[in-house]
Amino acid sequence: MGQTITPNVERITARLKKAAGSIAGGLGDLLFPPRCYGCGKDGAAPLCAICLEKMPRLGKPGCPICGRPETVSGTEAILTRCGTCRTRRVWFDLARSVAPYAGAAGNWIRMLKYGRKRRLGSALGQILAESLRSDPELAPLAEVDYAVPVPLHWLRAWWRGFNQSELLAQSICREWGVESGNGILRRIRNDRKQVGLSGRRRWENVKGAFVVARPEEVKGKRILLVDDVMTTGATLSECARVLKKAGAKTVCGLTLTRQLG
């Protein structure tokens, strides 16, 4: 008899917790109405349609590898590799970004990461997922076996409470039916942050920082790396390197923003 009662008790307890959470959430929304993180409009959290519509987008990629926008003079645009992709061994097959970091999307990422506005994660991930559908340049990136978020070291993930790249990747998996590759990659060094480092130091800082935790799931697979920001491409390239060494067929990268300069 005890064996039949226990599952019922667990189900009832789960339902009560869910109901309590819904009531608490409703009271919270009543006392503190949700607002758009972009413009502050009531009832439009986490981002209103107007802010999403006005979000700047990157122009047509100049570099065919990393997608860095380039200013091309003359009457005919000839796509050539950027300086980084010409002078360094870049391990990813293709990388693209949706918006410039110096703009609204960059502000939202900072609010997500440092302000811990976790609700922004699903909204920003939805931008990535919809961009794969609406932008012909990005659409091929959805034809993959796994969407793998760039991992944080466990100490940093513990301190922040979440991995923002994982939140972004979840939306792609949900909208496109791509299998989640969360946990395939692991960050084994808690190095200093990339922010503020020179281009050369960024590449040195991430060297050897990642390992493939489940190599049996990688061999012969097409991988999409998902991250919030790309600057030099060093992090994506190092992740791609260990995935390729583990037997991945192709590794592409998709980030919400691109830091230029």
Protein backbone atom coordinates (compact mmCIF):
# COMPACT_ATOMS: atom_id res chain seq x y z
CA MET A 1 0.00 0.00 0.00
CA GLY A 2 2.85 2.36 0.83
CA GLN A 3 4.24 1.88 -2.66
CA THR A 4 1.01 3.16 -4.22
CA ILE A 5 0.58 6.10 -1.85
CA THR A 6 4.09 7.53 -2.20
CA PRO A 7 3.82 8.49 -5.91
CA ASN A 8 0.44 10.11 -5.22
CA VAL A 9 1.90 12.12 -2.38
CA GLU A 10 4.79 13.20 -4.61
CA ARG A 11 2.42 14.28 -7.36
CA ILE A 12 0.21 16.21 -4.94
CA THR A 13 3.26 17.88 -3.40
CA ALA A 14 4.55 18.87 -6.84
CA ARG A 15 1.18 20.34 -7.78
CA LEU A 16 0.99 22.29 -4.53
CA LYS A 17 4.48 23.69 -5.11
CA LYS A 18 3.54 24.66 -8.66
CA ALA A 19 0.34 26.32 -7.46
CA ALA A 20 2.22 28.16 -4.73
CA GLY A 21 4.77 29.35 -7.28
CA SER A 22 2.02 30.58 -9.60
CA ILE A 23 0.31 32.44 -6.74
CA ALA A 24 3.61 33.99 -5.63
CA GLY A 25 4.40 34.96 -9.21
CA GLY A 26 0.96 36.49 -9.65
CA LEU A 27 1.29 38.51 -6.45
CA GLY A 28 4.75 39.63 -7.51
CA ASP A 29 3.43 40.81 -10.88
CA LEU A 30 0.58 42.61 -9.11
CA LEU A 31 2.85 44.41 -6.67
CA PHE A 32 5.70 44.93 -9.14
CA PRO A 33 4.29 44.87 -12.70
CA PRO A 34 6.72 43.37 -15.22
CA ARG A 35 8.36 45.95 -17.44
CA CYS A 36 10.30 45.88 -20.66
CA TYR A 37 14.01 45.88 -19.89
CA GLY A 38 14.58 48.03 -22.95
CA CYS A 39 12.17 50.95 -22.54
CA GLY A 40 10.43 50.32 -19.21
CA LYS A 41 6.97 49.82 -20.71
CA ASP A 42 4.61 48.15 -18.25
CA GLY A 43 3.40 44.64 -18.95
CA ALA A 44 5.85 43.98 -21.76
CA ALA A 45 8.54 41.99 -19.99
CA PRO A 46 11.12 40.98 -20.70
CA LEU A 47 11.29 42.89 -24.03
CA CYS A 48 8.51 44.69 -25.89
CA ALA A 49 7.87 44.35 -29.62
CA ILE A 50 9.02 47.92 -30.29
CA CYS A 51 12.43 47.40 -28.66
CA LEU A 52 12.90 44.13 -30.53
CA GLU A 53 11.99 45.82 -33.80
CA LYS A 54 14.44 48.69 -33.20
CA MET A 55 17.37 46.46 -32.21
CA PRO A 56 20.30 47.19 -34.56
CA ARG A 57 21.46 44.34 -36.77
CA LEU A 58 24.86 43.64 -38.23
CA GLY A 59 25.30 44.34 -41.91
CA LYS A 60 26.20 41.83 -44.56
CA PRO A 61 29.30 39.84 -43.52
CA GLY A 62 32.55 40.81 -45.17
CA CYS A 63 34.60 37.84 -43.97
CA PRO A 64 33.19 34.55 -45.29
CA ILE A 65 34.58 32.65 -42.27
CA CYS A 66 33.87 34.66 -39.12
CA GLY A 67 31.29 37.02 -40.62
CA ARG A 68 33.03 40.20 -39.53
CA PRO A 69 31.46 43.14 -41.40
CA GLU A 70 33.95 44.91 -43.63
CA THR A 71 33.79 48.22 -45.45
CA VAL A 72 34.31 47.46 -49.12
CA SER A 73 35.18 50.21 -51.55
CA GLY A 74 34.49 50.17 -55.26
CA THR A 75 31.50 49.06 -57.24
CA GLU A 76 31.86 45.33 -56.60
CA ALA A 77 32.08 43.73 -53.16
CA ILE A 78 34.60 40.90 -53.07
CA LEU A 79 34.41 38.73 -49.98
CA THR A 80 37.87 38.11 -48.54
CA ARG A 81 38.99 36.77 -45.18
CA CYS A 82 39.49 39.32 -42.44
CA GLY A 83 42.92 39.86 -40.90
CA THR A 84 42.33 37.37 -38.07
CA CYS A 85 41.10 34.58 -40.33
CA ARG A 86 44.02 35.16 -42.72
CA THR A 87 46.75 35.11 -40.09
CA ARG A 88 45.46 32.60 -37.53
CA ARG A 89 44.35 28.98 -37.62
CA VAL A 90 40.61 29.34 -37.09
CA TRP A 91 39.04 25.97 -36.28
CA PHE A 92 35.36 26.69 -36.81
CA ASP A 93 33.96 26.25 -40.30
CA LEU A 94 31.71 29.27 -40.10
CA ALA A 95 30.67 31.82 -37.47
CA ARG A 96 27.97 34.46 -37.56
CA SER A 97 26.46 37.04 -35.21
CA VAL A 98 23.12 38.82 -35.24
CA ALA A 99 23.67 42.26 -33.70
CA PRO A 100 26.48 44.64 -32.75
CA TYR A 101 27.53 44.49 -29.12
CA ALA A 102 27.70 48.29 -28.99
CA GLY A 103 23.94 48.72 -28.95
CA ALA A 104 20.71 47.51 -27.40
CA ALA A 105 21.57 43.81 -27.61
CA GLY A 106 24.86 44.42 -25.79
CA ASN A 107 23.01 46.28 -23.03
CA TRP A 108 20.60 43.37 -22.64
CA ILE A 109 23.44 40.87 -22.44
CA ARG A 110 25.10 42.88 -19.66
CA MET A 111 21.77 43.02 -17.80
CA LEU A 112 21.43 39.25 -18.19
CA LYS A 113 24.97 38.38 -17.10
CA TYR A 114 25.83 40.98 -14.49
CA GLY A 115 22.36 42.12 -13.43
CA ARG A 116 21.18 38.50 -13.31
CA LYS A 117 18.00 39.32 -15.25
CA ARG A 118 17.52 35.69 -16.13
CA ARG A 119 14.17 36.28 -17.83
CA LEU A 120 16.08 38.00 -20.61
CA GLY A 121 17.74 34.71 -21.52
CA SER A 122 14.68 33.21 -23.20
CA ALA A 123 13.89 36.45 -25.04
CA LEU A 124 17.42 36.81 -26.39
CA GLY A 125 17.48 33.14 -27.29
CA GLN A 126 14.25 33.65 -29.20
CA ILE A 127 15.96 36.40 -31.23
CA LEU A 128 18.66 33.91 -32.22
CA ALA A 129 16.12 31.23 -33.11
CA GLU A 130 14.03 33.59 -35.22
CA SER A 131 17.12 34.97 -36.95
CA LEU A 132 17.95 31.45 -38.14
CA ARG A 133 14.51 31.40 -39.77
CA SER A 134 14.43 34.90 -41.26
CA ASP A 135 18.03 35.51 -42.35
CA PRO A 136 19.16 33.42 -45.36
CA GLU A 137 22.76 33.95 -44.27
CA LEU A 138 22.08 32.25 -40.93
CA ALA A 139 19.59 29.57 -41.96
CA PRO A 140 22.22 26.88 -42.79
CA LEU A 141 23.45 27.06 -39.19
CA ALA A 142 20.25 25.34 -38.02
CA GLU A 143 21.08 22.18 -40.00
CA VAL A 144 23.06 20.58 -37.18
CA ASP A 145 22.93 17.59 -34.84
CA TYR A 146 23.67 19.43 -31.59
CA ALA A 147 23.45 22.99 -30.26
CA VAL A 148 26.31 23.23 -27.76
CA PRO A 149 26.51 26.25 -25.42
CA VAL A 150 29.98 27.56 -24.72
CA PRO A 151 30.49 26.44 -21.10
CA LEU A 152 31.46 28.47 -18.08
CA HIS A 153 33.83 27.13 -15.48
CA TRP A 154 31.76 25.61 -12.68
CA LEU A 155 32.91 28.28 -10.20
CA ARG A 156 31.75 31.10 -12.45
CA ALA A 157 28.48 29.30 -13.23
CA TRP A 158 27.92 28.81 -9.49
CA TRP A 159 28.61 32.48 -8.76
CA ARG A 160 26.31 33.72 -11.54
CA GLY A 161 23.65 31.08 -11.00
CA PHE A 162 23.34 30.15 -14.67
CA ASN A 163 25.20 30.02 -17.98
CA GLN A 164 23.80 32.66 -20.31
CA SER A 165 24.92 30.71 -23.39
CA GLU A 166 22.93 27.71 -22.20
CA LEU A 167 19.80 29.87 -21.97
CA LEU A 168 20.34 31.06 -25.55
CA ALA A 169 20.90 27.53 -26.83
CA GLN A 170 17.72 26.27 -25.18
CA SER A 171 15.59 28.47 -27.43
CA ILE A 172 17.33 27.17 -30.56
CA CYS A 173 16.80 23.57 -29.45
CA ARG A 174 13.14 24.23 -28.68
CA GLU A 175 12.31 26.17 -31.84
CA TRP A 176 14.32 24.07 -34.31
CA GLY A 177 14.09 20.63 -32.75
CA VAL A 178 17.87 20.46 -32.46
CA GLU A 179 19.19 18.15 -29.76
CA SER A 180 20.82 19.88 -26.82
CA GLY A 181 24.55 19.35 -26.50
CA ASN A 182 24.76 20.85 -23.04
CA GLY A 183 27.53 19.08 -21.15
CA ILE A 184 29.38 17.85 -24.22
CA LEU A 185 31.97 20.58 -23.65
CA ARG A 186 33.51 21.35 -20.28
CA ARG A 187 35.66 24.28 -19.22
CA ILE A 188 38.50 23.00 -17.04
CA ARG A 189 40.29 26.28 -16.27
CA ASN A 190 38.83 29.30 -14.53
CA ASP A 191 41.00 31.79 -16.40
CA ARG A 192 40.69 35.54 -16.19
CA LYS A 193 37.86 37.05 -18.17
CA GLN A 194 38.42 37.87 -21.82
CA VAL A 195 37.09 41.40 -21.32
CA GLY A 196 39.90 43.96 -21.54
CA LEU A 197 42.47 41.59 -23.03
CA SER A 198 44.24 42.33 -26.29
CA GLY A 199 43.54 40.17 -29.33
CA ARG A 200 46.72 38.12 -28.85
CA ARG A 201 46.10 37.63 -25.13
CA ARG A 202 42.53 36.47 -25.80
CA TRP A 203 43.81 33.60 -27.93
CA GLU A 204 46.44 32.67 -25.33
CA ASN A 205 43.96 32.93 -22.46
CA VAL A 206 41.61 30.23 -23.77
CA LYS A 207 44.20 27.80 -25.08
CA GLY A 208 43.63 24.43 -23.41
CA ALA A 209 40.66 25.75 -21.42
CA PHE A 210 38.09 23.29 -22.84
CA VAL A 211 37.74 19.52 -23.10
CA VAL A 212 35.15 17.28 -24.72
CA ALA A 213 33.43 15.48 -21.85
CA ARG A 214 31.44 13.07 -24.03
CA PRO A 215 33.53 12.37 -27.17
CA GLU A 216 31.34 9.42 -28.19
CA GLU A 217 28.53 11.88 -28.93
CA VAL A 218 30.67 14.12 -31.12
CA LYS A 219 32.22 11.84 -33.76
CA GLY A 220 30.81 12.52 -37.22
CA LYS A 221 28.33 15.10 -35.90
CA ARG A 222 27.55 18.64 -37.02
CA ILE A 223 27.89 21.01 -34.07
CA LEU A 224 26.53 24.53 -33.56
CA LEU A 225 28.36 26.45 -30.83
CA VAL A 226 26.18 29.08 -29.15
CA ASP A 227 27.52 32.06 -27.21
CA ASP A 228 26.47 35.58 -26.27
CA VAL A 229 29.37 37.63 -27.64
CA MET A 230 32.12 37.17 -30.21
CA THR A 231 35.09 39.53 -30.33
CA THR A 232 38.14 37.93 -31.95
CA GLY A 233 36.64 34.46 -32.27
CA ALA A 234 39.25 32.98 -29.92
CA THR A 235 36.77 31.21 -27.63
CA LEU A 236 34.71 29.75 -30.46
CA SER A 237 37.86 28.62 -32.25
CA GLU A 238 39.28 26.86 -29.18
CA CYS A 239 35.96 25.09 -28.57
CA ALA A 240 35.87 24.10 -32.23
CA ARG A 241 39.45 22.81 -32.04
CA VAL A 242 38.74 20.27 -29.29
CA LEU A 243 35.46 19.24 -30.96
CA LYS A 244 37.22 18.67 -34.28
CA LYS A 245 39.96 16.69 -32.52
CA ALA A 246 37.22 14.54 -31.00
CA GLY A 247 35.87 13.77 -34.47
CA ALA A 248 33.17 16.38 -35.11
CA LYS A 249 32.34 16.63 -38.80
CA THR A 250 31.66 20.38 -38.82
CA VAL A 251 31.62 23.07 -36.14
CA CYS A 252 29.90 26.41 -36.69
CA GLY A 253 29.35 29.27 -34.27
CA LEU A 254 26.40 31.56 -33.62
CA THR A 255 26.45 34.48 -31.19
CA LEU A 256 23.84 37.08 -30.43
CA THR A 257 26.33 39.94 -30.68
CA ARG A 258 29.65 40.82 -32.26
CA GLN A 259 32.08 43.24 -30.63
CA LEU A 260 33.86 45.28 -33.27
CA GLY A 261 36.73 47.68 -33.01
